[in-house]
Amino acid sequence: MALSYKARKRWSLVILLVGLPLYIMAAVTLVSLIERPTILVELLIYVGLGFVWIMPFKFVFRGIGQADPDAPQDDGQPRD
């Protein structure tokens, strides 16, 4: 079942405003459980966790920055 443009836009906001902070807290907690690695290794861990976070939601964010494809098209003619 495909989501409409409006539904994808709403879900993307929920994911970014609620899910992302929760995921950041979980990632920081996960990294703090292991002994402090070097800064480069820690950066690679966070970058890897960032990719892991976004992959399941890729379909939700695809095309959100574009114009609504379901909106009626304006033909450019002046209206009376």
Protein backbone atom coordinates (compact mmCIF):
# COMPACT_ATOMS: atom_id res chain seq x y z
CA MET A 1 0.00 0.00 0.00
CA ALA A 2 1.54 3.28 -1.12
CA LEU A 3 1.25 6.37 1.03
CA SER A 4 -0.11 9.57 -0.44
CA TYR A 5 2.08 12.65 -0.66
CA LYS A 6 0.33 14.30 2.31
CA ALA A 7 0.69 11.16 4.43
CA ARG A 8 4.38 10.85 3.58
CA LYS A 9 4.90 14.52 4.44
CA ARG A 10 3.18 14.11 7.81
CA TRP A 11 5.05 10.91 8.63
CA SER A 12 8.36 12.52 7.70
CA LEU A 13 7.66 15.30 10.20
CA VAL A 14 6.79 12.79 12.92
CA ILE A 15 9.92 10.78 12.17
CA LEU A 16 12.15 13.86 12.27
CA LEU A 17 10.60 15.53 15.31
CA VAL A 18 10.01 12.44 17.48
CA GLY A 19 11.98 9.54 16.05
CA LEU A 20 15.27 11.28 15.39
CA PRO A 21 15.79 12.59 18.96
CA LEU A 22 14.89 9.16 20.34
CA TYR A 23 17.32 7.50 17.97
CA ILE A 24 20.08 9.98 18.90
CA MET A 25 19.59 9.18 22.58
CA ALA A 26 19.69 5.45 21.82
CA ALA A 27 22.85 5.80 19.70
CA VAL A 28 24.66 7.85 22.35
CA THR A 29 23.65 5.33 25.02
CA LEU A 30 24.83 2.44 22.85
CA VAL A 31 28.21 4.05 22.19
CA SER A 32 28.64 4.94 25.88
CA LEU A 33 28.27 1.26 26.82
CA ILE A 34 31.58 0.40 25.16
CA GLU A 35 34.95 1.72 26.29
CA ARG A 36 35.64 5.16 24.83
CA PRO A 37 37.09 4.57 21.33
CA THR A 38 39.28 7.03 19.48
CA ILE A 39 37.52 10.02 17.98
CA LEU A 40 37.80 8.67 14.43
CA VAL A 41 36.30 5.31 15.38
CA GLU A 42 33.54 7.05 17.32
CA LEU A 43 32.77 9.25 14.30
CA LEU A 44 32.58 6.19 12.05
CA ILE A 45 30.22 4.50 14.53
CA TYR A 46 27.88 7.51 14.52
CA VAL A 47 27.97 7.81 10.73
CA GLY A 48 27.19 4.09 10.41
CA LEU A 49 24.33 4.35 12.89
CA GLY A 50 23.01 7.33 10.93
CA PHE A 51 22.83 5.25 7.76
CA VAL A 52 21.18 2.40 9.65
CA TRP A 53 18.56 4.82 10.98
CA ILE A 54 17.56 6.32 7.63
CA MET A 55 17.42 3.16 5.50
CA PRO A 56 14.00 1.91 6.74
CA PHE A 57 12.47 5.36 6.22
CA LYS A 58 13.94 6.06 2.80
CA PHE A 59 10.61 5.57 1.03
CA VAL A 60 8.90 8.09 3.33
CA PHE A 61 11.36 10.89 2.60
CA ARG A 62 11.64 10.30 -1.14
CA GLY A 63 10.13 13.22 -3.07
CA ILE A 64 9.01 15.24 -0.04
CA GLY A 65 10.94 18.34 -1.20
CA GLN A 66 9.16 18.32 -4.57
CA ALA A 67 5.82 19.83 -5.47
CA ASP A 68 2.74 17.77 -4.62
CA PRO A 69 2.18 15.44 -7.59
CA ASP A 70 -1.49 15.00 -6.61
CA ALA A 71 -2.23 18.75 -6.65
CA PRO A 72 -4.19 20.14 -9.58
CA GLN A 73 -1.92 21.61 -12.23
CA ASP A 74 -2.11 25.34 -12.94
CA ASP A 75 -2.30 25.75 -16.71
CA GLY A 76 -0.99 29.34 -16.59
CA GLN A 77 -4.20 30.89 -17.89
CA PRO A 78 -5.54 33.99 -16.12
CA ARG A 79 -8.68 33.42 -14.10
CA ASP A 80 -11.79 35.62 -14.29
